[in-house]
Amino acid sequence: MAQRVVILTGCTDLALPDRVKLKAIIFDVDGTLVDSNDIHARCWIDAFEHFGKHFEWDVIRHQIGKGGDLLVPDLLNAREMRKFGEKLKEYRTRLFKDKYRKDVKPFPRVRELFETLHGRGIKLALGSSGSQEEVQYYTALLGVGDLLEGSTSKHDADLSKPSPEIFQAALERLGTEAGNTLTVGDTPYDILASHRASLAIAAVLSGGFERELLTKAEFLFDDVGELVREIDRVDEYFNNE
């Protein structure tokens, strides 16, 4: 039987209906689209010290990328969790919003980069473990709301990364499949969450994690700008699924 060929409107390429190409990208926010990881680390150190707990910079810095639901119990013992674990998380949330968030800046040209991807017909979503208000704040800061198919927040999952639930929720919003969707993140926890959801991931070094901690990603780029410049190579990966 002859194989049917579909001509995509507005595209000079011919695509076979059973050929998998990159259809969508789910972006982490902190450290990927906005320069916030060091700021989060400083905020967590201040929050722990408010409750009499001191941690060295490297200890906290390498926890960034987890939500407070996982970060706090990783660093407190059982008695401390019972005594002030929930109060600590609530205090940190207020402290970040009131004191630290104003210092967070977008990485360069995010709007332009999203426009390039959107122009190729790639669906875009944000997959964040932050609060809904925080995701809305960053969406406005980045100026990309009209380019998104949707976004997720901690309200869409019982557990934050490295649980896969955030990325799974974003995938459902996009209506695409794991085999034609890419995630983009900056931490080892993004990589683990992505792979637990059977999603390929492009890790970026812009979040400040060491290269050797990100080598399990399918792709490793300096930043989102390099990802966009290499989008044809990324697309080829999905062509070969």
Protein backbone atom coordinates (compact mmCIF):
# COMPACT_ATOMS: atom_id res chain seq x y z
CA MET A 1 0.00 0.00 0.00
CA ALA A 2 1.39 3.43 -0.88
CA GLN A 3 2.26 5.56 2.13
CA ARG A 4 0.21 8.73 2.39
CA VAL A 5 2.09 12.03 2.46
CA VAL A 6 0.68 15.02 4.34
CA ILE A 7 1.62 18.54 3.28
CA LEU A 8 1.74 20.88 6.30
CA THR A 9 0.21 24.27 5.61
CA GLY A 10 2.80 27.03 5.54
CA CYS A 11 5.70 24.58 5.59
CA THR A 12 7.89 23.53 2.67
CA ASP A 13 8.76 20.19 4.26
CA LEU A 14 6.83 16.98 3.69
CA ALA A 15 6.00 15.03 6.84
CA LEU A 16 4.91 11.43 7.14
CA PRO A 17 1.97 11.02 9.54
CA ASP A 18 3.80 8.47 11.67
CA ARG A 19 6.99 10.50 11.97
CA VAL A 20 7.56 11.97 15.42
CA LYS A 21 8.78 15.55 15.67
CA LEU A 22 9.15 17.96 18.54
CA LYS A 23 5.64 19.25 19.28
CA ALA A 24 5.98 20.94 22.66
CA ILE A 25 8.44 22.20 25.29
CA ILE A 26 7.81 22.45 29.04
CA PHE A 27 10.06 25.03 30.72
CA ASP A 28 11.08 25.11 34.34
CA VAL A 29 11.19 28.72 35.55
CA ASP A 30 13.71 29.31 38.37
CA GLY A 31 17.28 29.16 37.08
CA THR A 32 16.04 28.39 33.57
CA LEU A 33 14.11 31.50 32.56
CA VAL A 34 14.82 33.78 35.53
CA ASP A 35 18.06 34.29 37.46
CA SER A 36 16.77 33.34 40.89
CA ASN A 37 18.62 30.32 42.30
CA ASP A 38 21.17 32.23 44.37
CA ILE A 39 18.39 34.49 45.63
CA HIS A 40 16.34 31.47 46.70
CA ALA A 41 19.37 30.06 48.51
CA ARG A 42 19.91 33.28 50.46
CA CYS A 43 16.24 33.36 51.39
CA TRP A 44 16.27 29.75 52.63
CA ILE A 45 19.39 30.40 54.72
CA ASP A 46 17.70 33.41 56.35
CA ALA A 47 14.52 31.40 56.94
CA PHE A 48 16.34 28.51 58.62
CA GLU A 49 18.34 30.94 60.78
CA HIS A 50 15.08 32.57 61.90
CA PHE A 51 14.29 29.21 63.54
CA GLY A 52 17.80 28.73 64.92
CA LYS A 53 19.18 26.46 62.19
CA HIS A 54 22.41 27.35 60.38
CA PHE A 55 23.48 25.74 57.12
CA GLU A 56 26.49 26.40 54.93
CA TRP A 57 25.90 27.97 51.54
CA ASP A 58 26.75 24.87 49.51
CA VAL A 59 24.34 22.69 51.49
CA ILE A 60 21.39 24.98 50.75
CA ARG A 61 22.50 25.89 47.23
CA HIS A 62 22.49 22.26 46.12
CA GLN A 63 18.95 21.80 47.46
CA ILE A 64 17.59 24.56 45.24
CA GLY A 65 15.26 23.10 42.65
CA LYS A 66 13.22 21.15 45.18
CA GLY A 67 10.02 22.55 46.62
CA GLY A 68 9.81 23.31 50.31
CA ASP A 69 7.77 20.13 50.81
CA LEU A 70 10.94 18.12 50.10
CA LEU A 71 13.73 20.56 50.94
CA VAL A 72 12.67 21.20 54.53
CA PRO A 73 12.35 17.56 55.67
CA ASP A 74 15.64 16.78 53.92
CA LEU A 75 17.36 19.23 56.26
CA LEU A 76 15.42 18.93 59.53
CA ASN A 77 15.07 16.00 61.87
CA ALA A 78 11.74 14.56 63.06
CA ARG A 79 11.51 16.65 66.22
CA GLU A 80 12.31 19.84 64.33
CA MET A 81 9.72 18.98 61.68
CA ARG A 82 7.06 18.58 64.37
CA LYS A 83 8.09 21.75 66.16
CA PHE A 84 8.50 24.25 63.33
CA GLY A 85 8.65 22.53 59.93
CA GLU A 86 5.38 23.98 58.62
CA LYS A 87 6.02 27.37 60.20
CA LEU A 88 9.42 27.47 58.49
CA LYS A 89 7.91 26.84 55.04
CA GLU A 90 5.25 29.50 55.58
CA TYR A 91 7.83 32.00 56.85
CA ARG A 92 10.12 31.38 53.86
CA THR A 93 7.24 31.97 51.43
CA ARG A 94 6.41 35.34 52.99
CA LEU A 95 10.07 36.32 53.27
CA PHE A 96 10.78 35.61 49.62
CA LYS A 97 7.77 37.55 48.39
CA ASP A 98 8.32 40.53 50.71
CA LYS A 99 12.11 40.85 50.57
CA TYR A 100 13.78 38.82 47.85
CA ARG A 101 11.55 38.43 44.81
CA LYS A 102 12.08 42.01 43.64
CA ASP A 103 15.72 41.14 42.92
CA VAL A 104 14.85 38.34 40.47
CA LYS A 105 15.54 39.27 36.84
CA PRO A 106 14.71 37.41 33.63
CA PHE A 107 17.53 35.96 31.61
CA PRO A 108 18.11 37.91 28.38
CA ARG A 109 15.74 37.72 25.40
CA VAL A 110 13.33 35.13 26.80
CA ARG A 111 10.36 36.73 25.03
CA GLU A 112 12.25 36.73 21.71
CA LEU A 113 13.35 33.12 22.17
CA PHE A 114 9.79 32.02 22.94
CA GLU A 115 8.56 33.85 19.85
CA THR A 116 11.06 31.90 17.74
CA LEU A 117 9.87 28.56 19.14
CA HIS A 118 6.21 29.55 18.89
CA GLY A 119 6.78 30.56 15.27
CA ARG A 120 7.90 27.03 14.50
CA GLY A 121 4.59 25.71 15.77
CA ILE A 122 6.01 24.37 19.05
CA LYS A 123 3.59 24.49 21.97
CA LEU A 124 5.06 26.09 25.09
CA ALA A 125 4.21 25.63 28.77
CA LEU A 126 5.71 26.47 32.15
CA GLY A 127 6.23 23.61 34.59
CA SER A 128 6.89 25.20 37.97
CA SER A 129 6.58 23.96 41.55
CA GLY A 130 6.01 27.51 42.78
CA SER A 131 2.70 28.89 43.96
CA GLN A 132 0.08 29.92 41.42
CA GLU A 133 0.63 33.57 42.33
CA GLU A 134 4.37 33.20 41.83
CA VAL A 135 3.95 31.57 38.41
CA GLN A 136 1.63 34.39 37.36
CA TYR A 137 4.18 36.94 38.60
CA TYR A 138 6.99 35.39 36.56
CA THR A 139 4.80 34.98 33.49
CA ALA A 140 4.13 38.73 33.59
CA LEU A 141 7.79 39.50 34.33
CA LEU A 142 8.87 37.49 31.29
CA GLY A 143 6.07 38.87 29.12
CA VAL A 144 5.28 35.48 27.58
CA GLY A 145 1.70 34.85 28.67
CA ASP A 146 0.25 35.10 25.16
CA LEU A 147 2.75 32.51 23.89
CA LEU A 148 1.87 29.81 26.42
CA GLU A 149 -0.52 26.91 26.11
CA GLY A 150 -0.62 26.74 29.90
CA SER A 151 1.38 26.53 33.11
CA THR A 152 1.48 24.51 36.30
CA SER A 153 2.09 25.36 39.94
CA LYS A 154 2.35 23.45 43.20
CA HIS A 155 -1.46 23.27 43.26
CA ASP A 156 -1.28 20.81 40.34
CA ALA A 157 0.78 18.22 42.23
CA ASP A 158 0.97 16.58 45.64
CA LEU A 159 4.78 16.65 45.54
CA SER A 160 7.29 19.00 43.92
CA LYS A 161 10.30 17.99 41.83
CA PRO A 162 11.98 15.52 41.66
CA SER A 163 8.49 14.00 41.68
CA PRO A 164 7.29 13.87 38.05
CA GLU A 165 3.84 15.26 38.84
CA ILE A 166 4.53 18.85 37.77
CA PHE A 167 5.78 17.81 34.35
CA GLN A 168 2.97 15.29 33.96
CA ALA A 169 0.41 17.99 34.70
CA ALA A 170 2.01 20.29 32.12
CA LEU A 171 2.00 17.47 29.57
CA GLU A 172 -1.74 17.03 30.11
CA ARG A 173 -2.28 20.76 29.60
CA LEU A 174 -0.38 20.63 26.32
CA GLY A 175 -2.24 17.59 25.05
CA THR A 176 0.93 16.11 23.56
CA GLU A 177 2.77 12.84 24.16
CA ALA A 178 5.96 12.12 26.09
CA GLY A 179 7.57 10.95 22.86
CA ASN A 180 7.28 14.35 21.19
CA THR A 181 7.64 16.73 24.15
CA LEU A 182 10.84 18.17 25.64
CA THR A 183 11.37 19.59 29.11
CA VAL A 184 13.95 22.25 29.92
CA GLY A 185 15.41 22.68 33.40
CA ASP A 186 18.55 23.58 35.29
CA THR A 187 18.83 21.18 38.24
CA PRO A 188 19.41 17.47 38.80
CA TYR A 189 15.88 17.41 40.24
CA ASP A 190 14.44 18.60 36.92
CA ILE A 191 16.28 15.78 35.17
CA LEU A 192 15.01 13.14 37.57
CA ALA A 193 11.43 14.46 37.42
CA SER A 194 11.54 14.51 33.64
CA HIS A 195 12.88 10.99 33.30
CA ARG A 196 10.36 9.69 35.83
CA ALA A 197 7.70 11.02 33.44
CA SER A 198 9.54 9.40 30.46
CA LEU A 199 10.28 12.87 29.05
CA ALA A 200 13.53 13.88 27.39
CA ILE A 201 15.14 16.97 28.92
CA ALA A 202 17.52 19.72 27.89
CA ALA A 203 19.46 20.87 30.93
CA VAL A 204 20.86 24.41 31.04
CA LEU A 205 23.86 25.61 33.02
CA SER A 206 22.31 29.03 33.69
CA GLY A 207 21.04 27.87 37.08
CA GLY A 208 24.56 27.46 38.42
CA PHE A 209 24.68 23.69 38.94
CA GLU A 210 27.89 21.92 38.04
CA ARG A 211 28.03 20.36 34.59
CA GLU A 212 28.80 16.92 36.02
CA LEU A 213 25.50 16.96 37.93
CA LEU A 214 23.52 17.47 34.71
CA THR A 215 25.09 14.88 32.43
CA LYS A 216 22.10 12.52 32.52
CA ALA A 217 20.09 15.01 30.46
CA GLU A 218 19.58 14.22 26.78
CA PHE A 219 20.95 17.67 25.94
CA LEU A 220 23.13 20.11 27.86
CA PHE A 221 23.26 23.79 26.89
CA ASP A 222 24.66 26.96 28.43
CA ASP A 223 21.23 28.58 28.45
CA VAL A 224 17.87 28.70 26.70
CA GLY A 225 19.38 30.85 23.96
CA GLU A 226 21.73 28.02 22.96
CA LEU A 227 18.81 25.58 23.03
CA VAL A 228 16.93 27.71 20.51
CA ARG A 229 19.99 28.05 18.28
CA GLU A 230 20.32 24.24 18.34
CA ILE A 231 16.61 23.52 17.91
CA ASP A 232 17.14 21.70 14.60
CA ARG A 233 19.49 19.25 16.31
CA VAL A 234 16.97 18.78 19.11
CA ASP A 235 14.21 18.22 16.58
CA GLU A 236 16.32 15.54 14.91
CA TYR A 237 16.38 13.60 18.18
CA PHE A 238 12.59 13.42 18.07
CA ASN A 239 12.62 12.50 14.40
CA ASN A 240 14.60 9.42 15.41
CA GLU A 241 12.28 8.32 18.24
